[in-house]
Amino acid sequence: MSFFVTCKHCGLRLEGAERLVGKVGICPGCKHAVVVERPPEDTAPQIISMEIQAPPQDEPQSPQKTTQHQPQGTTAQPEGTTTPPPGRRFCSNCGAELENKANFCPRCGKSINNQGSNNPNIGEAVYDTVNKGLSNALGIEKLQGFSLIELLKDIFKKHSEEDIYDIIECGTPKTTPNITDIDTSWPRPWLFFRLLAYSLILYLGLSLAMLYYKNYLLLPTVMVIGSFAIPIAVLSFFIEVNVRRNIPITYIIKYFLLGGCLSIVVTLFLGNLAANSQLKVLTKSSVFAGLFEEPAKLLALCPFFINKKYRYKLNGLLLGAVVGAGFEIFESLGYAFKTLNQETILATIVNVLSDVGIDLSEIGIDLSRIATEIDPVDSMQALIVTRGGQSLAASHIIWSAIAACALWRVLGKDDFKLSAFFDWRFLRLFLCPVILHCLWNAGFELPYYGKEIIIGLVGWIVVLALVQEGLNELREEKKKAENTQKMSDAENNPDSALQSQF
């Protein structure tokens, strides 16, 4: 004999059976634990199967918790609680089953508070304060239960070529997974670390070969590899984090090139426009570069504004990172060429003047000494290494990803409207990368690279909080799709739906 139970958390009507009275099940709608109790009156319900987990039979029983419907040898739960069966642990946030010693939920990342995390140390307290402050100031979710160790857990695991193909070959009609097949737990990216290691090894090898053999035909290659190495690795991180897997690699390559070039051109246009207006004071200092570069990178994504297919929050992070990576690399190449060109020209002029016997020492400058001390190649490589290191902490990639996701959060799945740019939800988050960019270019410094570390931490905390929002967005869509599928199956074959779990 079967009857029906109403989930007290989401109101979903679930199928029960006589032998399951007093046992605990997991609601497929909200993933909370539900006690199977016989309702006073049965009505025609919506038929949805429920996974039932029987508690251990040797668990001591409390007389106060026994009901008239509870079989001997089982333990019931008080009404309104979500405590999982003894011996099994479930996340109170998403209902995922937990390992015995897990400190974080593998699906949603929520802290389980097993190791006394209610009494955090000073570092955790500072992190929690910054995390909460950013959440309140920017209107984003507070980053909860995040573990850097869990995020990077798969870096040193062995991976096959097929694993690489699974990451790269996606986004086409045949390779885009169904929403119900997506793993919405925190991703564990690893390919970005391989790309970073290979690129740095390649750059170091080429640099040593060029200097050892004195063959400067390798110089352009060194410039390109050095400028690409770290930004491409950071971009790969955003590709792996986009667990929706709905953006093809061809789009990423195309908008990496097109978006990077377009954003630089738009930056020049906005700068020239400001220089010929009342805002020309903003163009006289690099401190205000973020006021022009961040809007320019966002405008480079205009082809995606009207395309609802790529409106997930994780899509916004990835597309912003794509344009930011192009901007970062092309700008680094420009600065490297400028440094190499300027110092080469200066050294050449000094040598030419010396060869023709022109003595300019009368002006108080020893040009011959300058000519011997100048090494254009060393200066260029120092610039590439410095900018590459900055890409890991504070870069156009991170800032552009935040800016794009800020707009995607407002647009959602609705039609594009210009009013989205004036929405306070967009503006308060978009100002974050603009301010970080301006502070980065400011002339002040803090001891022990304090400015760089603070700006980098703030940027990454915001990015990870937006990743968390994106995962939650996918969980909600996945849950709706699964419930719709179960309802459809029940309507098409009600007999099999009734007996699927029993």
Protein backbone atom coordinates (compact mmCIF):
# COMPACT_ATOMS: atom_id res chain seq x y z
CA MET A 1 0.00 0.00 0.00
CA SER A 2 1.34 3.45 -0.85
CA PHE A 3 0.40 6.95 0.22
CA PHE A 4 1.83 10.43 -0.26
CA VAL A 5 3.95 12.80 1.81
CA THR A 6 4.33 16.58 1.50
CA CYS A 7 7.85 17.98 1.84
CA LYS A 8 7.74 20.59 4.60
CA HIS A 9 10.51 22.62 2.95
CA CYS A 10 9.38 23.03 -0.65
CA GLY A 11 5.78 21.70 -0.63
CA LEU A 12 6.48 18.94 -3.16
CA ARG A 13 4.13 15.90 -2.95
CA LEU A 14 6.15 12.67 -2.71
CA GLU A 15 5.28 8.97 -2.91
CA GLY A 16 5.57 6.89 0.28
CA ALA A 17 4.94 3.26 1.17
CA GLU A 18 3.68 1.44 4.26
CA ARG A 19 7.07 -0.11 5.00
CA LEU A 20 8.82 3.31 4.85
CA VAL A 21 6.86 4.96 7.65
CA GLY A 22 9.26 6.53 10.16
CA LYS A 23 12.24 6.39 7.83
CA VAL A 24 14.11 9.31 6.24
CA GLY A 25 14.25 10.21 2.57
CA ILE A 26 15.86 12.94 0.45
CA CYS A 27 13.41 15.25 -1.36
CA PRO A 28 14.32 15.44 -5.09
CA GLY A 29 13.03 19.01 -5.22
CA CYS A 30 14.92 20.81 -2.44
CA LYS A 31 17.37 18.02 -1.41
CA HIS A 32 16.35 18.27 2.25
CA ALA A 33 15.80 15.24 4.46
CA VAL A 34 12.13 14.29 4.88
CA VAL A 35 10.55 11.98 7.49
CA VAL A 36 8.03 9.59 5.93
CA GLU A 37 4.84 10.02 7.98
CA ARG A 38 1.36 8.95 7.05
CA PRO A 39 -0.86 11.99 6.29
CA PRO A 40 -4.32 12.12 7.87
CA GLU A 41 -5.98 12.14 4.46
CA ASP A 42 -4.61 11.10 1.09
CA THR A 43 -5.37 13.25 -1.93
CA ALA A 44 -4.46 12.91 -5.57
CA PRO A 45 -0.84 14.09 -5.69
CA GLN A 46 1.85 14.94 -8.15
CA ILE A 47 3.78 11.67 -8.56
CA ILE A 48 7.51 12.12 -7.97
CA SER A 49 9.82 9.41 -6.70
CA MET A 50 11.87 9.95 -3.57
CA GLU A 51 15.14 8.29 -2.58
CA ILE A 52 14.75 6.65 0.83
CA GLN A 53 17.65 6.07 3.18
CA ALA A 54 16.97 3.67 6.08
CA PRO A 55 18.81 4.47 9.32
CA PRO A 56 20.88 1.78 11.07
CA GLN A 57 18.71 -0.68 12.98
CA ASP A 58 20.99 -0.77 16.03
CA GLU A 59 20.59 2.94 16.78
CA PRO A 60 19.12 3.51 20.26
CA GLN A 61 15.59 4.84 20.22
CA SER A 62 14.31 7.78 22.21
CA PRO A 63 10.77 7.26 23.56
CA GLN A 64 9.96 10.96 23.23
CA LYS A 65 10.53 10.84 19.47
CA THR A 66 8.42 7.73 18.77
CA THR A 67 5.14 8.23 16.95
CA GLN A 68 2.22 5.87 16.41
CA HIS A 69 3.39 5.28 12.83
CA GLN A 70 7.02 4.55 13.68
CA PRO A 71 8.08 0.91 13.33
CA GLN A 72 10.07 -0.64 16.17
CA GLY A 73 13.85 -0.30 15.68
CA THR A 74 13.90 2.96 13.68
CA THR A 75 14.55 6.51 14.76
CA ALA A 76 12.27 9.35 13.70
CA GLN A 77 13.16 13.05 13.54
CA PRO A 78 11.35 15.94 15.21
CA GLU A 79 9.00 17.80 12.94
CA GLY A 80 10.62 20.58 10.90
CA THR A 81 14.22 19.32 11.21
CA THR A 82 16.55 18.29 8.39
CA THR A 83 18.95 16.05 10.32
CA PRO A 84 20.21 13.26 8.03
CA PRO A 85 20.07 9.58 8.99
CA PRO A 86 22.70 8.45 11.53
CA GLY A 87 25.87 7.30 9.82
CA ARG A 88 25.17 9.39 6.71
CA ARG A 89 25.98 13.08 6.35
CA PHE A 90 24.32 15.55 4.00
CA CYS A 91 24.95 19.22 3.25
CA SER A 92 22.29 21.42 4.83
CA ASN A 93 22.58 23.86 1.90
CA CYS A 94 22.21 21.62 -1.17
CA GLY A 95 21.55 18.12 0.21
CA ALA A 96 24.67 16.50 -1.29
CA GLU A 97 26.04 13.47 0.56
CA LEU A 98 29.29 14.20 2.40
CA GLU A 99 32.35 12.14 3.14
CA ASN A 100 32.96 11.33 6.78
CA LYS A 101 35.84 13.79 7.25
CA ALA A 102 34.80 16.41 4.71
CA ASN A 103 35.12 20.04 5.83
CA PHE A 104 33.40 21.43 2.72
CA CYS A 105 30.49 20.31 0.58
CA PRO A 106 31.80 18.94 -2.77
CA ARG A 107 28.76 20.37 -4.59
CA CYS A 108 28.19 23.88 -3.23
CA GLY A 109 31.37 24.48 -1.22
CA LYS A 110 29.57 25.27 2.04
CA SER A 111 31.69 24.90 5.17
CA ILE A 112 30.70 21.91 7.32
CA ASN A 113 32.41 23.34 10.41
CA ASN A 114 33.96 20.07 11.54
CA GLN A 115 37.24 21.38 12.84
CA GLY A 116 36.18 24.15 15.16
CA SER A 117 35.79 26.77 12.46
CA ASN A 118 33.43 28.64 14.79
CA ASN A 119 36.60 29.99 16.45
CA PRO A 120 38.62 31.29 13.50
CA ASN A 121 42.14 32.55 13.82
CA ILE A 122 43.16 36.11 13.00
CA GLY A 123 43.75 35.38 9.32
CA GLU A 124 40.32 33.78 8.94
CA ALA A 125 38.70 36.66 10.80
CA VAL A 126 40.33 39.21 8.48
CA TYR A 127 39.33 37.19 5.43
CA ASP A 128 35.74 36.88 6.67
CA THR A 129 35.57 40.63 7.32
CA VAL A 130 36.88 41.47 3.83
CA ASN A 131 34.61 38.85 2.28
CA LYS A 132 31.53 40.21 4.04
CA GLY A 133 32.49 43.81 3.27
CA LEU A 134 32.88 43.09 -0.45
CA SER A 135 29.58 41.24 -0.48
CA ASN A 136 27.71 44.16 1.07
CA ALA A 137 29.48 46.83 -0.98
CA LEU A 138 29.22 45.13 -4.39
CA GLY A 139 25.89 43.35 -3.98
CA ILE A 140 27.30 39.88 -4.61
CA GLU A 141 27.03 36.61 -2.73
CA LYS A 142 29.39 36.11 0.16
CA LEU A 143 32.00 33.50 -0.70
CA GLN A 144 31.13 30.56 1.56
CA GLY A 145 33.06 27.43 2.38
CA PHE A 146 35.74 28.09 -0.22
CA SER A 147 38.90 26.01 0.01
CA LEU A 148 41.91 26.81 -2.17
CA ILE A 149 43.29 23.34 -1.49
CA GLU A 150 40.08 21.72 -2.77
CA LEU A 151 40.01 24.01 -5.82
CA LEU A 152 43.56 23.07 -6.86
CA LYS A 153 43.34 19.46 -5.73
CA ASP A 154 43.64 17.97 -9.23
CA ILE A 155 46.69 19.95 -10.37
CA PHE A 156 49.20 17.19 -9.69
CA LYS A 157 46.94 14.27 -10.59
CA LYS A 158 47.61 12.30 -13.73
CA HIS A 159 45.44 13.34 -16.68
CA SER A 160 45.13 11.86 -20.15
CA GLU A 161 44.78 13.55 -23.52
CA GLU A 162 41.09 12.68 -23.44
CA ASP A 163 40.75 14.84 -20.33
CA ILE A 164 42.18 17.77 -22.28
CA TYR A 165 39.76 17.12 -25.15
CA ASP A 166 36.85 17.13 -22.70
CA ILE A 167 37.80 20.68 -21.72
CA ILE A 168 38.56 22.04 -25.18
CA GLU A 169 36.02 20.23 -27.35
CA CYS A 170 32.81 21.85 -26.17
CA GLY A 171 30.23 24.41 -27.18
CA THR A 172 29.02 22.77 -30.39
CA PRO A 173 25.53 21.23 -30.69
CA LYS A 174 27.07 17.78 -30.28
CA THR A 175 29.48 18.63 -27.44
CA THR A 176 27.39 20.96 -25.27
CA PRO A 177 26.13 18.85 -22.36
CA ASN A 178 22.50 18.81 -21.31
CA ILE A 179 21.83 20.91 -18.22
CA THR A 180 20.89 17.74 -16.28
CA ASP A 181 24.31 16.19 -17.06
CA ILE A 182 26.35 19.09 -15.67
CA ASP A 183 28.35 18.69 -12.48
CA THR A 184 27.53 21.83 -10.51
CA SER A 185 29.98 21.18 -7.69
CA TRP A 186 33.01 23.45 -7.37
CA PRO A 187 35.25 22.78 -10.38
CA ARG A 188 38.81 21.60 -9.95
CA PRO A 189 40.79 23.24 -12.77
CA TRP A 190 44.18 21.79 -13.60
CA LEU A 191 44.96 22.46 -17.28
CA PHE A 192 45.81 26.10 -16.57
CA PHE A 193 48.71 24.98 -14.35
CA ARG A 194 50.10 22.74 -17.11
CA LEU A 195 49.95 25.59 -19.61
CA LEU A 196 51.66 27.90 -17.13
CA ALA A 197 54.47 25.43 -16.44
CA TYR A 198 55.04 24.58 -20.12
CA SER A 199 55.02 28.24 -21.19
CA LEU A 200 57.49 29.32 -18.52
CA ILE A 201 59.85 26.44 -19.33
CA LEU A 202 59.66 27.30 -23.03
CA TYR A 203 60.29 31.00 -22.37
CA LEU A 204 63.27 30.27 -20.13
CA GLY A 205 64.76 27.81 -22.64
CA LEU A 206 64.45 30.25 -25.56
CA SER A 207 65.92 33.11 -23.52
CA LEU A 208 68.94 31.05 -22.49
CA ALA A 209 69.47 29.84 -26.05
CA MET A 210 69.31 33.39 -27.41
CA LEU A 211 71.82 34.72 -24.87
CA TYR A 212 74.18 31.72 -25.11
CA TYR A 213 74.40 31.72 -28.90
CA LYS A 214 74.08 35.52 -29.24
CA ASN A 215 71.44 34.93 -31.90
CA TYR A 216 68.92 37.72 -31.65
CA LEU A 217 66.76 36.27 -34.40
CA LEU A 218 65.03 34.55 -31.48
CA LEU A 219 64.14 37.91 -29.95
CA PRO A 220 60.63 38.21 -31.49
CA THR A 221 59.84 34.64 -30.41
CA VAL A 222 60.98 35.38 -26.86
CA MET A 223 58.80 38.51 -26.80
CA VAL A 224 55.71 36.65 -28.00
CA ILE A 225 56.11 33.57 -25.78
CA GLY A 226 56.88 35.73 -22.75
CA SER A 227 53.85 37.95 -23.31
CA PHE A 228 51.49 35.01 -23.89
CA ALA A 229 52.69 32.61 -21.16
CA ILE A 230 50.88 33.69 -17.98
CA PRO A 231 47.81 35.45 -19.49
CA ILE A 232 46.93 32.34 -21.51
CA ALA A 233 47.21 30.21 -18.37
CA VAL A 234 44.89 32.55 -16.45
CA LEU A 235 42.43 32.50 -19.37
CA SER A 236 42.50 28.69 -19.29
CA PHE A 237 41.42 28.86 -15.64
CA PHE A 238 38.23 30.70 -16.67
CA ILE A 239 37.63 28.19 -19.48
CA GLU A 240 37.77 25.31 -17.01
CA VAL A 241 35.55 27.11 -14.49
CA ASN A 242 32.82 27.54 -17.11
CA VAL A 243 31.23 24.19 -16.28
CA ARG A 244 28.28 24.91 -18.59
CA ARG A 245 30.67 24.08 -21.46
CA ASN A 246 28.57 25.99 -24.00
CA ILE A 247 31.16 28.33 -25.57
CA PRO A 248 33.21 26.74 -28.40
CA ILE A 249 36.97 27.19 -28.55
CA THR A 250 36.61 28.86 -31.95
CA TYR A 251 34.63 31.70 -30.32
CA ILE A 252 37.28 32.05 -27.64
CA ILE A 253 40.09 32.33 -30.19
CA LYS A 254 38.12 34.72 -32.39
CA TYR A 255 37.17 37.12 -29.62
CA PHE A 256 40.59 36.85 -28.04
CA LEU A 257 42.02 38.37 -31.23
CA LEU A 258 39.08 40.54 -32.27
CA GLY A 259 38.11 41.67 -28.77
CA GLY A 260 41.70 42.37 -27.74
CA CYS A 261 42.35 44.55 -30.79
CA LEU A 262 38.95 46.25 -30.66
CA SER A 263 39.30 47.10 -26.97
CA ILE A 264 42.67 48.77 -27.57
CA VAL A 265 41.23 50.83 -30.44
CA VAL A 266 38.20 51.84 -28.37
CA THR A 267 40.53 52.83 -25.52
CA LEU A 268 42.46 55.13 -27.86
CA PHE A 269 39.19 56.58 -29.15
CA LEU A 270 37.82 57.28 -25.66
CA GLY A 271 41.16 58.76 -24.58
CA ASN A 272 41.30 61.05 -27.59
CA LEU A 273 37.66 62.04 -27.03
CA ALA A 274 38.42 62.98 -23.42
CA ALA A 275 41.59 64.86 -24.43
CA ASN A 276 39.52 67.16 -26.65
CA SER A 277 36.89 67.83 -24.00
CA GLN A 278 36.57 69.11 -20.45
CA LEU A 279 37.90 65.74 -19.25
CA LYS A 280 41.38 66.23 -20.69
CA VAL A 281 42.84 66.38 -17.19
CA LEU A 282 42.05 62.67 -16.87
CA THR A 283 44.34 61.84 -19.79
CA LYS A 284 47.42 63.45 -18.25
CA SER A 285 47.99 60.68 -15.72
CA SER A 286 47.98 56.89 -15.99
CA VAL A 287 46.07 56.75 -12.69
CA PHE A 288 42.81 57.30 -14.57
CA ALA A 289 43.53 54.74 -17.31
CA GLY A 290 40.89 52.43 -15.83
CA LEU A 291 38.19 54.98 -16.63
CA PHE A 292 38.84 54.40 -20.34
CA GLU A 293 40.20 50.86 -20.57
CA GLU A 294 37.54 49.03 -18.53
CA PRO A 295 34.56 50.44 -20.49
CA ALA A 296 36.47 49.80 -23.74
CA LYS A 297 36.97 46.11 -22.93
CA LEU A 298 33.31 45.75 -21.99
CA LEU A 299 32.13 47.44 -25.20
CA ALA A 300 34.29 45.00 -27.19
CA LEU A 301 31.80 42.31 -26.11
CA CYS A 302 28.87 44.09 -27.79
CA PRO A 303 28.20 41.15 -30.21
CA PHE A 304 27.26 39.06 -27.16
CA PHE A 305 24.92 41.67 -25.66
CA ILE A 306 21.97 40.51 -27.76
CA ASN A 307 22.84 36.78 -27.79
CA LYS A 308 20.83 35.11 -25.03
CA LYS A 309 22.57 31.79 -25.62
CA TYR A 310 25.62 32.88 -23.63
CA ARG A 311 23.92 34.74 -20.77
CA TYR A 312 25.01 32.53 -17.89
CA LYS A 313 27.09 34.29 -15.24
CA LEU A 314 29.96 31.89 -15.83
CA ASN A 315 29.74 32.80 -19.53
CA GLY A 316 30.11 36.46 -18.64
CA LEU A 317 33.23 35.74 -16.59
CA LEU A 318 34.78 33.74 -19.43
CA LEU A 319 33.95 36.18 -22.21
CA GLY A 320 35.27 39.09 -20.17
CA ALA A 321 38.46 37.13 -19.47
CA VAL A 322 38.85 36.40 -23.21
CA VAL A 323 38.82 40.09 -24.15
CA GLY A 324 40.96 40.98 -21.13
CA ALA A 325 43.57 38.39 -22.09
CA GLY A 326 43.79 39.80 -25.62
CA PHE A 327 44.15 43.33 -24.27
CA GLU A 328 46.77 42.20 -21.73
CA ILE A 329 48.94 40.37 -24.25
CA PHE A 330 48.80 43.00 -26.99
CA GLU A 331 49.55 45.76 -24.49
CA SER A 332 52.53 43.81 -23.10
CA LEU A 333 53.89 43.26 -26.60
CA GLY A 334 53.53 46.98 -27.30
CA TYR A 335 55.39 47.98 -24.14
CA ALA A 336 58.10 45.38 -24.80
CA PHE A 337 58.64 46.66 -28.33
CA LYS A 338 58.64 50.25 -27.12
CA THR A 339 61.25 49.50 -24.45
CA LEU A 340 63.43 47.58 -26.87
CA ASN A 341 63.08 50.18 -29.60
CA GLN A 342 63.76 53.23 -27.43
CA GLU A 343 66.88 51.85 -25.79
CA THR A 344 68.17 50.38 -29.04
CA ILE A 345 67.78 53.74 -30.75
CA LEU A 346 69.52 55.53 -27.88
CA ALA A 347 72.42 53.08 -27.89
CA THR A 348 72.71 53.35 -31.67
CA ILE A 349 72.79 57.16 -31.56
CA VAL A 350 75.49 57.11 -28.89
CA ASN A 351 77.62 54.68 -30.89
CA VAL A 352 77.22 56.66 -34.14
CA LEU A 353 78.20 59.91 -32.43
CA SER A 354 81.21 58.24 -30.94
CA ASP A 355 82.27 56.75 -34.30
CA VAL A 356 82.23 60.10 -36.10
CA GLY A 357 84.29 61.70 -33.36
CA ILE A 358 81.64 64.04 -32.02
CA ASP A 359 82.39 64.87 -28.41
CA LEU A 360 79.24 65.75 -26.49
CA SER A 361 80.82 65.56 -23.08
CA GLU A 362 80.60 69.30 -22.91
CA ILE A 363 76.92 69.02 -21.98
CA GLY A 364 77.84 66.99 -18.92
CA ILE A 365 76.68 63.55 -20.09
CA ASP A 366 79.10 60.68 -20.65
CA LEU A 367 77.36 59.12 -23.64
CA SER A 368 80.03 56.47 -24.10
CA ARG A 369 79.32 55.14 -20.60
CA ILE A 370 75.60 55.14 -21.30
CA ALA A 371 76.17 53.16 -24.51
CA THR A 372 78.04 50.41 -22.70
CA GLU A 373 75.55 50.19 -19.82
CA ILE A 374 72.42 50.04 -21.94
CA ASP A 375 71.19 46.52 -22.69
CA PRO A 376 67.89 46.75 -24.59
CA VAL A 377 67.27 43.00 -24.43
CA ASP A 378 67.61 42.88 -20.64
CA SER A 379 65.27 45.83 -20.25
CA MET A 380 62.67 44.23 -22.53
CA GLN A 381 62.82 40.89 -20.72
CA ALA A 382 62.56 42.54 -17.33
CA LEU A 383 59.39 44.27 -18.51
CA ILE A 384 57.86 41.02 -19.79
CA VAL A 385 58.64 39.15 -16.57
CA THR A 386 57.20 41.96 -14.43
CA ARG A 387 53.97 42.25 -16.39
CA GLY A 388 53.62 38.47 -16.53
CA GLY A 389 53.86 38.20 -12.76
CA GLN A 390 51.28 40.96 -12.39
CA SER A 391 48.86 38.95 -14.55
CA LEU A 392 48.52 36.38 -11.76
CA ALA A 393 47.42 38.90 -9.15
CA ALA A 394 45.92 41.97 -10.77
CA SER A 395 45.42 42.09 -14.50
CA HIS A 396 43.10 43.08 -17.31
CA ILE A 397 41.86 39.49 -17.39
CA ILE A 398 40.48 39.55 -13.85
CA TRP A 399 39.10 43.08 -14.09
CA SER A 400 37.45 42.50 -17.45
CA ALA A 401 35.88 39.23 -16.21
CA ILE A 402 34.30 41.06 -13.27
CA ALA A 403 33.04 43.89 -15.48
CA ALA A 404 31.43 41.52 -18.00
CA CYS A 405 29.80 39.40 -15.29
CA ALA A 406 28.42 42.60 -13.72
CA LEU A 407 26.50 43.30 -16.93
CA TRP A 408 25.48 39.65 -17.40
CA ARG A 409 23.96 39.58 -13.89
CA VAL A 410 21.65 42.47 -14.82
CA LEU A 411 20.76 41.24 -18.31
CA GLY A 412 19.93 37.68 -17.28
CA LYS A 413 17.93 35.98 -20.03
CA ASP A 414 16.04 39.17 -20.96
CA ASP A 415 16.45 41.27 -24.08
CA PHE A 416 19.35 43.70 -24.08
CA LYS A 417 18.51 47.25 -23.03
CA LEU A 418 20.80 50.25 -22.72
CA SER A 419 19.26 50.93 -19.34
CA ALA A 420 21.30 47.97 -18.04
CA PHE A 421 24.40 50.23 -18.07
CA PHE A 422 22.67 52.59 -15.64
CA ASP A 423 21.34 49.89 -13.33
CA TRP A 424 22.80 50.27 -9.83
CA ARG A 425 23.38 46.51 -9.63
CA PHE A 426 25.72 46.83 -12.60
CA LEU A 427 27.37 50.09 -11.62
CA ARG A 428 28.31 49.09 -8.07
CA LEU A 429 30.07 45.94 -9.29
CA PHE A 430 31.55 47.54 -12.43
CA LEU A 431 33.18 50.22 -10.27
CA CYS A 432 35.19 47.49 -8.54
CA PRO A 433 37.57 46.75 -11.46
CA VAL A 434 37.69 50.46 -12.36
CA ILE A 435 38.80 51.41 -8.84
CA LEU A 436 41.24 48.49 -8.61
CA HIS A 437 42.75 49.52 -11.95
CA CYS A 438 43.16 53.14 -10.85
CA LEU A 439 44.73 52.12 -7.54
CA TRP A 440 47.13 49.81 -9.36
CA ASN A 441 48.36 52.68 -11.51
CA ALA A 442 48.61 55.06 -8.57
CA GLY A 443 52.11 56.12 -7.60
CA PHE A 444 52.03 55.02 -3.96
CA GLU A 445 53.52 51.74 -2.73
CA LEU A 446 53.14 49.65 0.43
CA PRO A 447 55.87 47.62 2.14
CA TYR A 448 56.39 44.03 1.00
CA TYR A 449 54.33 44.57 -2.17
CA GLY A 450 51.31 45.26 0.02
CA LYS A 451 49.42 47.21 -2.63
CA GLU A 452 49.80 44.48 -5.23
CA ILE A 453 48.82 41.72 -2.78
CA ILE A 454 45.71 43.55 -1.52
CA ILE A 455 44.49 44.43 -5.02
CA GLY A 456 45.11 40.87 -6.19
CA LEU A 457 43.26 39.30 -3.24
CA VAL A 458 40.27 41.59 -3.63
CA GLY A 459 40.05 40.82 -7.35
CA TRP A 460 40.22 37.06 -6.88
CA ILE A 461 37.75 37.02 -3.98
CA VAL A 462 35.23 38.86 -6.16
CA VAL A 463 35.88 36.48 -9.07
CA LEU A 464 35.40 33.40 -6.90
CA ALA A 465 32.23 34.85 -5.37
CA LEU A 466 30.87 35.34 -8.90
CA VAL A 467 31.86 31.76 -9.77
CA GLN A 468 29.83 30.66 -6.75
CA GLU A 469 26.85 32.68 -8.03
CA GLY A 470 27.24 31.10 -11.45
CA LEU A 471 27.25 27.59 -9.98
CA ASN A 472 24.14 28.36 -7.94
CA GLU A 473 22.45 29.64 -11.09
CA LEU A 474 23.18 26.35 -12.84
CA ARG A 475 21.97 24.33 -9.85
CA GLU A 476 18.60 26.06 -9.93
CA GLU A 477 18.20 25.49 -13.66
CA LYS A 478 19.33 21.87 -13.32
CA LYS A 479 16.87 21.26 -10.48
CA LYS A 480 13.98 22.65 -12.52
CA ALA A 481 14.96 20.56 -15.54
CA GLU A 482 15.19 17.37 -13.45
CA ASN A 483 11.78 17.96 -11.84
CA THR A 484 10.24 18.70 -15.24
CA GLN A 485 11.72 15.48 -16.62
CA LYS A 486 10.42 13.43 -13.68
CA MET A 487 6.93 14.92 -14.06
CA SER A 488 6.99 14.14 -17.76
CA ASP A 489 8.10 10.55 -17.11
CA ALA A 490 5.39 10.11 -14.48
CA GLU A 491 2.69 11.37 -16.83
CA ASN A 492 3.87 9.16 -19.68
CA ASN A 493 4.32 6.01 -17.60
CA PRO A 494 2.78 6.39 -14.14
CA ASP A 495 3.09 2.69 -13.21
CA SER A 496 6.87 2.63 -13.69
CA ALA A 497 7.22 5.93 -11.81
CA LEU A 498 5.36 4.49 -8.83
CA GLN A 499 7.58 1.43 -8.65
CA SER A 500 10.94 2.93 -9.67
CA GLN A 501 12.27 3.23 -6.13
CA PHE A 502 10.41 0.41 -4.32
